[in-house]
């Protein structure tokens, strides 16, 4: 575990850095999509539905253990995708169940990003775990959207309730779970663990947004939303007028609820010690104080956390694909592997 001294940063400096990083958030997109793998089999979806009516519309097998689901979700009010990696020896008729590792996408990407950008398929090929990679929508923020009072789309209910039920009913998923995510997915991993105590035995954030109300952070969040052509306040409303809603989604404010959850945090300094990739480094730099603040809050509360805070680094898969492996011992222990 690495201990970092929190740096004192003026509000003006943080706001200025946030504006630079917001620009980066508007210009940085996902890595170019690789050609889609040819589906070997497309089968009719299982008939069983979640308790609240969510159901599998289609099930497309890409290979012997990779399957893409399209799910009709009442919470989303539409159809949404999820990719699964099934463990060796998996069978729908098995008498046993398997633990589940949830991996969340980042901003402006999709549910195929983990298999596109990492070797997660090969890495888990010999591991007795189901890997679930659900869609968090185009912004990559897996939250219940305020949307001026409509409460939709609700990616939190989709991922934490509907999808879990469908996996248990159709894919022999057990109740032992861990979760990890990159960028906005890192926010989701920690926020879900805090908002649903006991649901996940471990949570890992790789360059996540871990203090959403810290000066400068609302600018970043609103820039992510705005890039998708949505009104900036559609997510959680105004940081001022809907501040209770922002706080209810803020990992820093929810930190006390993480007692008993194994935690892993990683983040880089970005520009300081970086290699000149200014856009990706600027975003990482802006998130650094929030990561430090969140880690300090956990320490204040006496909640153990494993951290990897490193010099330099970009807000990109170049670093995240290594970080998930660094966190694997913590995740695998929580999953009972």
C-alpha atoms as a PDB file:
ATOM      1  CA  UNK A   1       0.000   0.000   0.000  1.00  0.00           C
ATOM      2  CA  UNK A   2       1.358   3.360  -0.958  1.00  0.00           C
ATOM      3  CA  UNK A   3       0.742   6.358   1.254  1.00  0.00           C
ATOM      4  CA  UNK A   4       0.488   9.740  -0.416  1.00  0.00           C
ATOM      5  CA  UNK A   5       0.590  13.164   1.201  1.00  0.00           C
ATOM      6  CA  UNK A   6      -2.386  15.263   0.206  1.00  0.00           C
ATOM      7  CA  UNK A   7      -1.444  18.420  -1.592  1.00  0.00           C
ATOM      8  CA  UNK A   8      -2.998  21.740  -0.772  1.00  0.00           C
ATOM      9  CA  UNK A   9      -4.533  23.162  -3.901  1.00  0.00           C
ATOM     10  CA  UNK A  10      -6.399  26.441  -4.210  1.00  0.00           C
ATOM     11  CA  UNK A  11      -9.943  26.406  -5.506  1.00  0.00           C
ATOM     12  CA  UNK A  12      -8.909  28.597  -8.428  1.00  0.00           C
ATOM     13  CA  UNK A  13      -6.134  26.226  -9.428  1.00  0.00           C
ATOM     14  CA  UNK A  14      -8.429  23.211  -9.209  1.00  0.00           C
ATOM     15  CA  UNK A  15     -11.114  24.970 -11.224  1.00  0.00           C
ATOM     16  CA  UNK A  16      -8.568  25.938 -13.862  1.00  0.00           C
ATOM     17  CA  UNK A  17      -7.279  22.402 -14.104  1.00  0.00           C
ATOM     18  CA  UNK A  18     -10.853  21.153 -14.269  1.00  0.00           C
ATOM     19  CA  UNK A  19     -11.568  23.370 -17.252  1.00  0.00           C
ATOM     20  CA  UNK A  20      -8.496  21.960 -19.021  1.00  0.00           C
ATOM     21  CA  UNK A  21      -9.537  18.446 -18.142  1.00  0.00           C
ATOM     22  CA  UNK A  22     -13.119  19.144 -19.222  1.00  0.00           C
ATOM     23  CA  UNK A  23     -11.724  20.067 -22.610  1.00  0.00           C
ATOM     24  CA  UNK A  24      -9.871  16.764 -22.581  1.00  0.00           C
ATOM     25  CA  UNK A  25     -13.077  14.966 -21.653  1.00  0.00           C
ATOM     26  CA  UNK A  26     -14.734  16.523 -24.687  1.00  0.00           C
ATOM     27  CA  UNK A  27     -11.920  15.582 -27.058  1.00  0.00           C
ATOM     28  CA  UNK A  28     -10.783  12.213 -25.750  1.00  0.00           C
ATOM     29  CA  UNK A  29     -12.818   9.301 -27.008  1.00  0.00           C
ATOM     30  CA  UNK A  30     -12.537   5.548 -26.779  1.00  0.00           C
ATOM     31  CA  UNK A  31      -9.830   3.734 -28.665  1.00  0.00           C
ATOM     32  CA  UNK A  32     -10.900   3.022 -32.220  1.00  0.00           C
ATOM     33  CA  UNK A  33     -13.234   0.061 -32.296  1.00  0.00           C
ATOM     34  CA  UNK A  34     -11.775  -3.203 -33.483  1.00  0.00           C
ATOM     35  CA  UNK A  35     -13.728  -5.176 -36.074  1.00  0.00           C
ATOM     36  CA  UNK A  36     -16.541  -7.083 -34.436  1.00  0.00           C
ATOM     37  CA  UNK A  37     -15.976 -10.784 -33.965  1.00  0.00           C
ATOM     38  CA  UNK A  38     -18.173 -13.015 -36.078  1.00  0.00           C
ATOM     39  CA  UNK A  39     -20.867 -14.655 -34.005  1.00  0.00           C
ATOM     40  CA  UNK A  40     -20.713 -18.432 -34.209  1.00  0.00           C
ATOM     41  CA  UNK A  41     -24.194 -19.002 -32.849  1.00  0.00           C
ATOM     42  CA  UNK A  42     -27.231 -16.881 -32.209  1.00  0.00           C
ATOM     43  CA  UNK A  43     -29.789 -18.593 -30.012  1.00  0.00           C
ATOM     44  CA  UNK A  44     -33.204 -17.703 -28.740  1.00  0.00           C
ATOM     45  CA  UNK A  45     -33.067 -16.033 -25.373  1.00  0.00           C
ATOM     46  CA  UNK A  46     -33.970 -17.914 -22.213  1.00  0.00           C
ATOM     47  CA  UNK A  47     -37.601 -17.446 -21.280  1.00  0.00           C
ATOM     48  CA  UNK A  48     -37.103 -16.456 -17.652  1.00  0.00           C
ATOM     49  CA  UNK A  49     -37.301 -12.810 -16.702  1.00  0.00           C
ATOM     50  CA  UNK A  50     -36.217 -10.716 -13.747  1.00  0.00           C
ATOM     51  CA  UNK A  51     -38.713 -10.163 -10.955  1.00  0.00           C
ATOM     52  CA  UNK A  52     -39.414  -6.620 -12.155  1.00  0.00           C
ATOM     53  CA  UNK A  53     -39.974  -7.622 -15.775  1.00  0.00           C
ATOM     54  CA  UNK A  54     -36.529  -7.247 -17.357  1.00  0.00           C
ATOM     55  CA  UNK A  55     -35.937  -9.962 -19.922  1.00  0.00           C
ATOM     56  CA  UNK A  56     -33.298 -11.234 -22.323  1.00  0.00           C
ATOM     57  CA  UNK A  57     -34.268 -10.342 -25.883  1.00  0.00           C
ATOM     58  CA  UNK A  58     -31.352 -12.024 -27.636  1.00  0.00           C
ATOM     59  CA  UNK A  59     -28.326 -14.138 -26.784  1.00  0.00           C
ATOM     60  CA  UNK A  60     -25.440 -14.134 -29.276  1.00  0.00           C
ATOM     61  CA  UNK A  61     -22.520 -16.507 -28.743  1.00  0.00           C
ATOM     62  CA  UNK A  62     -19.238 -15.103 -30.101  1.00  0.00           C
ATOM     63  CA  UNK A  63     -17.271 -18.181 -29.071  1.00  0.00           C
ATOM     64  CA  UNK A  64     -17.528 -21.028 -26.579  1.00  0.00           C
ATOM     65  CA  UNK A  65     -17.518 -18.724 -23.544  1.00  0.00           C
ATOM     66  CA  UNK A  66     -18.253 -15.188 -24.792  1.00  0.00           C
ATOM     67  CA  UNK A  67     -21.900 -14.248 -25.097  1.00  0.00           C
ATOM     68  CA  UNK A  68     -23.566 -10.915 -25.827  1.00  0.00           C
ATOM     69  CA  UNK A  69     -26.977 -10.255 -24.349  1.00  0.00           C
ATOM     70  CA  UNK A  70     -29.558  -7.692 -25.360  1.00  0.00           C
ATOM     71  CA  UNK A  71     -31.845  -7.038 -22.417  1.00  0.00           C
ATOM     72  CA  UNK A  72     -35.215  -5.338 -22.357  1.00  0.00           C
ATOM     73  CA  UNK A  73     -34.875  -3.189 -19.242  1.00  0.00           C
ATOM     74  CA  UNK A  74     -37.784  -1.379 -17.577  1.00  0.00           C
ATOM     75  CA  UNK A  75     -35.205   0.676 -15.658  1.00  0.00           C
ATOM     76  CA  UNK A  76     -33.574   1.882 -18.878  1.00  0.00           C
ATOM     77  CA  UNK A  77     -36.911   2.000 -20.723  1.00  0.00           C
ATOM     78  CA  UNK A  78     -35.303   0.276 -23.669  1.00  0.00           C
ATOM     79  CA  UNK A  79     -32.905  -2.434 -24.777  1.00  0.00           C
ATOM     80  CA  UNK A  80     -29.372  -2.487 -23.407  1.00  0.00           C
ATOM     81  CA  UNK A  81     -26.343  -4.710 -23.964  1.00  0.00           C
ATOM     82  CA  UNK A  82     -24.137  -6.830 -21.709  1.00  0.00           C
ATOM     83  CA  UNK A  83     -21.190  -9.077 -22.524  1.00  0.00           C
ATOM     84  CA  UNK A  84     -20.465 -12.197 -20.469  1.00  0.00           C
ATOM     85  CA  UNK A  85     -17.362 -14.338 -20.179  1.00  0.00           C
ATOM     86  CA  UNK A  86     -18.319 -17.743 -18.831  1.00  0.00           C
ATOM     87  CA  UNK A  87     -15.929 -19.941 -16.834  1.00  0.00           C
ATOM     88  CA  UNK A  88     -14.438 -23.243 -18.009  1.00  0.00           C
ATOM     89  CA  UNK A  89     -16.902 -26.071 -17.639  1.00  0.00           C
ATOM     90  CA  UNK A  90     -19.880 -23.732 -17.381  1.00  0.00           C
ATOM     91  CA  UNK A  91     -23.267 -25.237 -18.135  1.00  0.00           C
ATOM     92  CA  UNK A  92     -26.762 -23.865 -17.782  1.00  0.00           C
ATOM     93  CA  UNK A  93     -27.691 -27.228 -16.259  1.00  0.00           C
ATOM     94  CA  UNK A  94     -24.891 -27.206 -13.685  1.00  0.00           C
ATOM     95  CA  UNK A  95     -25.836 -27.847 -10.080  1.00  0.00           C
ATOM     96  CA  UNK A  96     -23.241 -25.376  -8.820  1.00  0.00           C
ATOM     97  CA  UNK A  97     -23.086 -21.584  -9.124  1.00  0.00           C
ATOM     98  CA  UNK A  98     -20.158 -19.278  -9.915  1.00  0.00           C
ATOM     99  CA  UNK A  99     -19.045 -15.981  -8.380  1.00  0.00           C
ATOM    100  CA  UNK A 100     -19.380 -12.905 -10.584  1.00  0.00           C
ATOM    101  CA  UNK A 101     -16.901 -10.154 -11.403  1.00  0.00           C
ATOM    102  CA  UNK A 102     -18.563  -7.027 -12.772  1.00  0.00           C
ATOM    103  CA  UNK A 103     -16.360  -4.789 -14.938  1.00  0.00           C
ATOM    104  CA  UNK A 104     -17.698  -1.346 -15.851  1.00  0.00           C
ATOM    105  CA  UNK A 105     -16.831   0.696 -18.929  1.00  0.00           C
ATOM    106  CA  UNK A 106     -15.541   4.266 -18.965  1.00  0.00           C
ATOM    107  CA  UNK A 107     -16.985   7.388 -20.546  1.00  0.00           C
ATOM    108  CA  UNK A 108     -17.887   7.505 -24.250  1.00  0.00           C
ATOM    109  CA  UNK A 109     -17.309   3.795 -24.732  1.00  0.00           C
ATOM    110  CA  UNK A 110     -19.445   0.672 -24.550  1.00  0.00           C
ATOM    111  CA  UNK A 111     -19.810  -2.736 -22.926  1.00  0.00           C
ATOM    112  CA  UNK A 112     -17.326  -4.346 -25.327  1.00  0.00           C
ATOM    113  CA  UNK A 113     -14.448  -2.142 -24.162  1.00  0.00           C
ATOM    114  CA  UNK A 114     -12.967  -4.559 -21.628  1.00  0.00           C
ATOM    115  CA  UNK A 115     -12.577  -7.365 -24.166  1.00  0.00           C
ATOM    116  CA  UNK A 116     -11.443  -4.922 -26.851  1.00  0.00           C
ATOM    117  CA  UNK A 117      -8.818  -3.118 -24.770  1.00  0.00           C
ATOM    118  CA  UNK A 118      -7.512  -5.815 -22.402  1.00  0.00           C
ATOM    119  CA  UNK A 119      -6.702  -9.513 -22.343  1.00  0.00           C
ATOM    120  CA  UNK A 120      -9.494 -10.220 -19.848  1.00  0.00           C
ATOM    121  CA  UNK A 121     -10.699 -13.164 -21.986  1.00  0.00           C
ATOM    122  CA  UNK A 122      -7.341 -14.919 -21.850  1.00  0.00           C
ATOM    123  CA  UNK A 123      -6.666 -13.868 -18.262  1.00  0.00           C
ATOM    124  CA  UNK A 124      -9.885 -15.451 -16.972  1.00  0.00           C
ATOM    125  CA  UNK A 125      -9.858 -18.490 -19.279  1.00  0.00           C
ATOM    126  CA  UNK A 126      -8.790 -20.777 -16.417  1.00  0.00           C
ATOM    127  CA  UNK A 127     -10.641 -18.989 -13.618  1.00  0.00           C
ATOM    128  CA  UNK A 128     -13.891 -20.158 -12.046  1.00  0.00           C
ATOM    129  CA  UNK A 129     -15.710 -16.842 -12.328  1.00  0.00           C
ATOM    130  CA  UNK A 130     -18.383 -15.282 -14.515  1.00  0.00           C
ATOM    131  CA  UNK A 131     -17.285 -11.898 -15.864  1.00  0.00           C
ATOM    132  CA  UNK A 132     -20.191  -9.526 -16.562  1.00  0.00           C
ATOM    133  CA  UNK A 133     -19.596  -6.329 -18.541  1.00  0.00           C
ATOM    134  CA  UNK A 134     -22.842  -4.337 -18.711  1.00  0.00           C
ATOM    135  CA  UNK A 135     -23.552  -1.196 -20.680  1.00  0.00           C
ATOM    136  CA  UNK A 136     -23.515   2.074 -18.760  1.00  0.00           C
ATOM    137  CA  UNK A 137     -24.807   4.068 -21.720  1.00  0.00           C
ATOM    138  CA  UNK A 138     -22.876   6.490 -23.944  1.00  0.00           C
ATOM    139  CA  UNK A 139     -21.668   8.636 -21.035  1.00  0.00           C
ATOM    140  CA  UNK A 140     -20.407   5.600 -19.141  1.00  0.00           C
ATOM    141  CA  UNK A 141     -21.990   6.892 -15.917  1.00  0.00           C
ATOM    142  CA  UNK A 142     -23.987   3.971 -14.449  1.00  0.00           C
ATOM    143  CA  UNK A 143     -26.367   6.039 -12.389  1.00  0.00           C
ATOM    144  CA  UNK A 144     -30.031   6.787 -11.935  1.00  0.00           C
ATOM    145  CA  UNK A 145     -30.436   9.895 -14.065  1.00  0.00           C
ATOM    146  CA  UNK A 146     -32.427  12.742 -12.578  1.00  0.00           C
ATOM    147  CA  UNK A 147     -33.439  13.976 -16.045  1.00  0.00           C
ATOM    148  CA  UNK A 148     -35.488  16.846 -14.632  1.00  0.00           C
ATOM    149  CA  UNK A 149     -37.583  14.540 -12.506  1.00  0.00           C
ATOM    150  CA  UNK A 150     -38.131  11.583 -14.847  1.00  0.00           C
ATOM    151  CA  UNK A 151     -35.650   9.285 -13.066  1.00  0.00           C
ATOM    152  CA  UNK A 152     -34.627   7.587 -16.304  1.00  0.00           C
ATOM    153  CA  UNK A 153     -32.571   6.017 -17.640  1.00  0.00           C
ATOM    154  CA  UNK A 154     -31.721   4.136 -14.456  1.00  0.00           C
ATOM    155  CA  UNK A 155     -28.486   2.269 -15.098  1.00  0.00           C
ATOM    156  CA  UNK A 156     -28.007   1.581 -11.401  1.00  0.00           C
ATOM    157  CA  UNK A 157     -31.187  -0.478 -11.132  1.00  0.00           C
ATOM    158  CA  UNK A 158     -30.388  -2.202 -14.416  1.00  0.00           C
ATOM    159  CA  UNK A 159     -26.929  -3.285 -13.266  1.00  0.00           C
ATOM    160  CA  UNK A 160     -27.500  -3.917  -9.562  1.00  0.00           C
ATOM    161  CA  UNK A 161     -31.003  -5.413  -9.683  1.00  0.00           C
ATOM    162  CA  UNK A 162     -32.228  -6.478 -13.116  1.00  0.00           C
ATOM    163  CA  UNK A 163     -28.988  -7.904 -14.487  1.00  0.00           C
ATOM    164  CA  UNK A 164     -28.119  -9.701 -11.257  1.00  0.00           C
ATOM    165  CA  UNK A 165     -31.495 -11.430 -11.236  1.00  0.00           C
ATOM    166  CA  UNK A 166     -31.175 -12.471 -14.883  1.00  0.00           C
ATOM    167  CA  UNK A 167     -27.695 -13.877 -14.328  1.00  0.00           C
ATOM    168  CA  UNK A 168     -28.844 -15.871 -11.317  1.00  0.00           C
ATOM    169  CA  UNK A 169     -31.890 -17.215 -13.147  1.00  0.00           C
ATOM    170  CA  UNK A 170     -30.223 -18.058 -16.454  1.00  0.00           C
ATOM    171  CA  UNK A 171     -26.446 -18.336 -16.080  1.00  0.00           C
ATOM    172  CA  UNK A 172     -25.866 -20.014 -12.710  1.00  0.00           C
ATOM    173  CA  UNK A 173     -24.516 -16.834 -11.132  1.00  0.00           C
ATOM    174  CA  UNK A 174     -24.031 -16.926  -7.390  1.00  0.00           C
ATOM    175  CA  UNK A 175     -24.281 -14.181  -4.801  1.00  0.00           C
ATOM    176  CA  UNK A 176     -20.539 -13.700  -4.271  1.00  0.00           C
ATOM    177  CA  UNK A 177     -19.561 -10.649  -6.299  1.00  0.00           C
ATOM    178  CA  UNK A 178     -16.781  -8.139  -6.880  1.00  0.00           C
ATOM    179  CA  UNK A 179     -16.790  -5.058  -9.081  1.00  0.00           C
ATOM    180  CA  UNK A 180     -14.242  -2.889 -10.854  1.00  0.00           C
ATOM    181  CA  UNK A 181     -14.318  -0.063 -13.332  1.00  0.00           C
ATOM    182  CA  UNK A 182     -12.278   2.483 -15.253  1.00  0.00           C
ATOM    183  CA  UNK A 183     -12.867   6.252 -15.148  1.00  0.00           C
ATOM    184  CA  UNK A 184     -16.622   6.793 -14.729  1.00  0.00           C
ATOM    185  CA  UNK A 185     -16.877   3.044 -14.210  1.00  0.00           C
ATOM    186  CA  UNK A 186     -14.476   3.427 -11.300  1.00  0.00           C
ATOM    187  CA  UNK A 187     -16.969   5.866  -9.824  1.00  0.00           C
ATOM    188  CA  UNK A 188     -19.697   3.295 -10.408  1.00  0.00           C
ATOM    189  CA  UNK A 189     -17.775   0.467  -8.759  1.00  0.00           C
ATOM    190  CA  UNK A 190     -17.185   2.394  -5.535  1.00  0.00           C
ATOM    191  CA  UNK A 191     -20.585   4.111  -5.522  1.00  0.00           C
ATOM    192  CA  UNK A 192     -22.438   0.816  -6.022  1.00  0.00           C
ATOM    193  CA  UNK A 193     -20.469  -0.860  -3.230  1.00  0.00           C
ATOM    194  CA  UNK A 194     -21.362   2.017  -0.904  1.00  0.00           C
ATOM    195  CA  UNK A 195     -24.984   2.411  -1.984  1.00  0.00           C
ATOM    196  CA  UNK A 196     -25.630  -1.350  -1.775  1.00  0.00           C
ATOM    197  CA  UNK A 197     -23.652  -2.566   1.255  1.00  0.00           C
ATOM    198  CA  UNK A 198     -22.934  -6.278   1.186  1.00  0.00           C
ATOM    199  CA  UNK A 199     -23.732  -6.707  -2.501  1.00  0.00           C
ATOM    200  CA  UNK A 200     -20.061  -6.654  -3.512  1.00  0.00           C
ATOM    201  CA  UNK A 201     -17.304  -8.151  -1.401  1.00  0.00           C
ATOM    202  CA  UNK A 202     -14.674  -6.054  -3.195  1.00  0.00           C
ATOM    203  CA  UNK A 203     -14.598  -2.927  -5.343  1.00  0.00           C
ATOM    204  CA  UNK A 204     -11.775  -1.537  -7.485  1.00  0.00           C
ATOM    205  CA  UNK A 205     -11.489   1.892  -9.076  1.00  0.00           C
ATOM    206  CA  UNK A 206      -8.966   2.618 -11.804  1.00  0.00           C
ATOM    207  CA  UNK A 207      -8.708   6.418 -12.257  1.00  0.00           C
ATOM    208  CA  UNK A 208     -12.254   6.828 -10.970  1.00  0.00           C
ATOM    209  CA  UNK A 209     -14.125  10.023 -10.099  1.00  0.00           C
ATOM    210  CA  UNK A 210     -14.236   9.533  -6.339  1.00  0.00           C
ATOM    211  CA  UNK A 211     -15.242  12.950  -4.958  1.00  0.00           C
ATOM    212  CA  UNK A 212     -17.887  14.326  -7.284  1.00  0.00           C
ATOM    213  CA  UNK A 213     -18.603  17.525  -5.342  1.00  0.00           C
ATOM    214  CA  UNK A 214     -14.973  18.567  -4.854  1.00  0.00           C
ATOM    215  CA  UNK A 215     -14.232  21.940  -6.524  1.00  0.00           C
ATOM    216  CA  UNK A 216     -13.803  21.342 -10.243  1.00  0.00           C
ATOM    217  CA  UNK A 217     -15.346  17.866 -10.315  1.00  0.00           C
ATOM    218  CA  UNK A 218     -18.874  18.955 -11.339  1.00  0.00           C
ATOM    219  CA  UNK A 219     -17.296  20.619 -14.382  1.00  0.00           C
ATOM    220  CA  UNK A 220     -15.788  17.278 -15.403  1.00  0.00           C
ATOM    221  CA  UNK A 221     -19.031  15.379 -14.868  1.00  0.00           C
ATOM    222  CA  UNK A 222     -21.087  17.929 -16.789  1.00  0.00           C
ATOM    223  CA  UNK A 223     -18.555  17.943 -19.654  1.00  0.00           C
ATOM    224  CA  UNK A 224     -18.927  14.172 -19.998  1.00  0.00           C
ATOM    225  CA  UNK A 225     -22.709  14.506 -20.141  1.00  0.00           C
ATOM    226  CA  UNK A 226     -22.552  17.450 -22.543  1.00  0.00           C
ATOM    227  CA  UNK A 227     -20.293  15.626 -24.967  1.00  0.00           C
ATOM    228  CA  UNK A 228     -23.139  13.195 -25.667  1.00  0.00           C
ATOM    229  CA  UNK A 229     -25.438  16.071 -26.624  1.00  0.00           C
ATOM    230  CA  UNK A 230     -27.320  15.952 -23.317  1.00  0.00           C
ATOM    231  CA  UNK A 231     -28.142  18.836 -21.023  1.00  0.00           C
ATOM    232  CA  UNK A 232     -25.422  19.010 -18.337  1.00  0.00           C
ATOM    233  CA  UNK A 233     -27.943  18.988 -15.484  1.00  0.00           C
ATOM    234  CA  UNK A 234     -29.749  15.911 -16.820  1.00  0.00           C
ATOM    235  CA  UNK A 235     -27.626  13.567 -14.715  1.00  0.00           C
ATOM    236  CA  UNK A 236     -28.001  14.761 -11.109  1.00  0.00           C
ATOM    237  CA  UNK A 237     -29.415  18.239 -11.564  1.00  0.00           C
ATOM    238  CA  UNK A 238     -27.649  21.391 -10.470  1.00  0.00           C
ATOM    239  CA  UNK A 239     -24.725  20.888  -8.069  1.00  0.00           C
ATOM    240  CA  UNK A 240     -26.221  23.770  -6.075  1.00  0.00           C
ATOM    241  CA  UNK A 241     -29.983  23.336  -6.270  1.00  0.00           C
ATOM    242  CA  UNK A 242     -29.911  19.521  -6.274  1.00  0.00           C
ATOM    243  CA  UNK A 243     -26.926  19.189  -3.926  1.00  0.00           C
ATOM    244  CA  UNK A 244     -28.564  16.394  -1.857  1.00  0.00           C
ATOM    245  CA  UNK A 245     -28.778  14.311  -5.032  1.00  0.00           C
ATOM    246  CA  UNK A 246     -25.126  14.966  -5.855  1.00  0.00           C
ATOM    247  CA  UNK A 247     -24.117  14.005  -2.315  1.00  0.00           C
ATOM    248  CA  UNK A 248     -26.165  10.809  -2.517  1.00  0.00           C
ATOM    249  CA  UNK A 249     -24.024   9.771  -5.499  1.00  0.00           C
ATOM    250  CA  UNK A 250     -20.680  10.934  -4.104  1.00  0.00           C
ATOM    251  CA  UNK A 251     -18.270   8.164  -3.014  1.00  0.00           C
ATOM    252  CA  UNK A 252     -16.550  10.573  -0.617  1.00  0.00           C
ATOM    253  CA  UNK A 253     -19.840  11.289   1.168  1.00  0.00           C
ATOM    254  CA  UNK A 254     -20.720   7.574   1.208  1.00  0.00           C
ATOM    255  CA  UNK A 255     -17.335   6.336   2.415  1.00  0.00           C
ATOM    256  CA  UNK A 256     -18.575   5.179   5.825  1.00  0.00           C
ATOM    257  CA  UNK A 257     -20.808   2.615   4.096  1.00  0.00           C
ATOM    258  CA  UNK A 258     -17.772   0.794   2.698  1.00  0.00           C
ATOM    259  CA  UNK A 259     -16.852  -0.879   5.981  1.00  0.00           C
ATOM    260  CA  UNK A 260     -16.232  -4.560   5.325  1.00  0.00           C
ATOM    261  CA  UNK A 261     -15.666  -4.143   1.578  1.00  0.00           C
ATOM    262  CA  UNK A 262     -12.197  -4.886   0.205  1.00  0.00           C
ATOM    263  CA  UNK A 263     -11.100  -1.787  -1.718  1.00  0.00           C
ATOM    264  CA  UNK A 264      -8.514  -1.008  -4.384  1.00  0.00           C
ATOM    265  CA  UNK A 265      -7.790   2.479  -5.754  1.00  0.00           C
ATOM    266  CA  UNK A 266      -5.335   3.510  -8.439  1.00  0.00           C
ATOM    267  CA  UNK A 267      -4.628   6.891  -9.991  1.00  0.00           C
ATOM    268  CA  UNK A 268      -1.732   8.805 -11.542  1.00  0.00           C
ATOM    269  CA  UNK A 269      -0.419  12.340 -11.204  1.00  0.00           C
ATOM    270  CA  UNK A 270      -0.823  12.867 -14.946  1.00  0.00           C
ATOM    271  CA  UNK A 271       1.024  15.923 -16.233  1.00  0.00           C
ATOM    272  CA  UNK A 272       3.428  15.908 -13.292  1.00  0.00           C
ATOM    273  CA  UNK A 273       5.910  13.237 -14.288  1.00  0.00           C
ATOM    274  CA  UNK A 274       4.019  12.562 -17.497  1.00  0.00           C
ATOM    275  CA  UNK A 275       5.266  11.870 -21.014  1.00  0.00           C
ATOM    276  CA  UNK A 276       3.668  14.748 -22.920  1.00  0.00           C
ATOM    277  CA  UNK A 277       0.231  13.316 -23.799  1.00  0.00           C
ATOM    278  CA  UNK A 278      -1.367  16.473 -22.471  1.00  0.00           C
ATOM    279  CA  UNK A 279      -5.077  15.785 -22.982  1.00  0.00           C
ATOM    280  CA  UNK A 280      -5.066  12.371 -21.315  1.00  0.00           C
ATOM    281  CA  UNK A 281      -2.609  13.549 -18.672  1.00  0.00           C
ATOM    282  CA  UNK A 282      -4.636  16.669 -17.855  1.00  0.00           C
ATOM    283  CA  UNK A 283      -7.721  14.615 -17.083  1.00  0.00           C
ATOM    284  CA  UNK A 284      -5.725  12.259 -14.875  1.00  0.00           C
ATOM    285  CA  UNK A 285      -4.164  15.247 -13.091  1.00  0.00           C
ATOM    286  CA  UNK A 286      -7.563  16.752 -12.336  1.00  0.00           C
ATOM    287  CA  UNK A 287      -8.850  13.507 -10.835  1.00  0.00           C
ATOM    288  CA  UNK A 288      -5.749  13.088  -8.653  1.00  0.00           C
ATOM    289  CA  UNK A 289      -6.885  15.397  -5.782  1.00  0.00           C
ATOM    290  CA  UNK A 290     -10.259  13.638  -5.655  1.00  0.00           C
ATOM    291  CA  UNK A 291      -8.573  10.235  -5.386  1.00  0.00           C
ATOM    292  CA  UNK A 292      -6.283  11.512  -2.650  1.00  0.00           C
ATOM    293  CA  UNK A 293      -9.179  13.076  -0.773  1.00  0.00           C
ATOM    294  CA  UNK A 294     -11.231   9.885  -0.941  1.00  0.00           C
ATOM    295  CA  UNK A 295      -8.316   7.731   0.229  1.00  0.00           C
ATOM    296  CA  UNK A 296      -7.702  10.129   3.125  1.00  0.00           C
ATOM    297  CA  UNK A 297     -11.379   9.925   4.066  1.00  0.00           C
ATOM    298  CA  UNK A 298     -11.182   6.131   4.204  1.00  0.00           C
ATOM    299  CA  UNK A 299      -8.104   6.376   6.399  1.00  0.00           C
ATOM    300  CA  UNK A 300      -9.903   8.825   8.684  1.00  0.00           C
ATOM    301  CA  UNK A 301     -12.752   6.336   9.027  1.00  0.00           C
ATOM    302  CA  UNK A 302     -10.377   3.440   9.685  1.00  0.00           C
ATOM    303  CA  UNK A 303     -11.459   1.597   6.535  1.00  0.00           C
ATOM    304  CA  UNK A 304      -8.617  -0.428   4.968  1.00  0.00           C
ATOM    305  CA  UNK A 305      -7.797   0.268   1.318  1.00  0.00           C
ATOM    306  CA  UNK A 306      -5.084  -0.905  -1.042  1.00  0.00           C
ATOM    307  CA  UNK A 307      -3.805   1.967  -3.175  1.00  0.00           C
ATOM    308  CA  UNK A 308      -1.503   2.360  -6.123  1.00  0.00           C
ATOM    309  CA  UNK A 309      -0.862   6.071  -6.657  1.00  0.00           C
ATOM    310  CA  UNK A 310       1.831   6.563  -9.270  1.00  0.00           C
ATOM    311  CA  UNK A 311       3.858   9.332 -10.885  1.00  0.00           C
ATOM    312  CA  UNK A 312       2.690  10.364 -14.345  1.00  0.00           C
ATOM    313  CA  UNK A 313       0.119   8.263 -16.134  1.00  0.00           C
ATOM    314  CA  UNK A 314      -2.606   9.004 -18.624  1.00  0.00           C
ATOM    315  CA  UNK A 315      -6.348   8.582 -18.367  1.00  0.00           C
ATOM    316  CA  UNK A 316      -6.259   5.600 -20.685  1.00  0.00           C
ATOM    317  CA  UNK A 317      -6.223   1.838 -21.068  1.00  0.00           C
ATOM    318  CA  UNK A 318      -2.429   1.963 -21.339  1.00  0.00           C
ATOM    319  CA  UNK A 319      -2.429   2.103 -17.539  1.00  0.00           C
ATOM    320  CA  UNK A 320      -5.760   0.472 -16.707  1.00  0.00           C
ATOM    321  CA  UNK A 321      -4.944  -2.831 -18.387  1.00  0.00           C
ATOM    322  CA  UNK A 322      -2.089  -3.225 -15.920  1.00  0.00           C
ATOM    323  CA  UNK A 323      -4.020  -1.961 -12.916  1.00  0.00           C
ATOM    324  CA  UNK A 324      -6.757  -4.568 -13.107  1.00  0.00           C
ATOM    325  CA  UNK A 325      -4.101  -7.273 -12.882  1.00  0.00           C
ATOM    326  CA  UNK A 326      -2.446  -5.522  -9.955  1.00  0.00           C
ATOM    327  CA  UNK A 327      -5.803  -5.549  -8.172  1.00  0.00           C
ATOM    328  CA  UNK A 328      -6.520  -9.182  -9.059  1.00  0.00           C
ATOM    329  CA  UNK A 329      -5.220 -10.747  -5.815  1.00  0.00           C
ATOM    330  CA  UNK A 330      -7.638  -8.573  -3.823  1.00  0.00           C
ATOM    331  CA  UNK A 331     -10.542  -9.288  -6.166  1.00  0.00           C
ATOM    332  CA  UNK A 332      -9.882 -13.018  -6.416  1.00  0.00           C
ATOM    333  CA  UNK A 333      -9.644 -13.407  -2.658  1.00  0.00           C
ATOM    334  CA  UNK A 334     -13.006 -11.671  -2.261  1.00  0.00           C
ATOM    335  CA  UNK A 335     -14.479 -13.934  -4.934  1.00  0.00           C
ATOM    336  CA  UNK A 336     -13.189 -17.028  -3.158  1.00  0.00           C
ATOM    337  CA  UNK A 337     -10.973 -18.114  -6.047  1.00  0.00           C
END
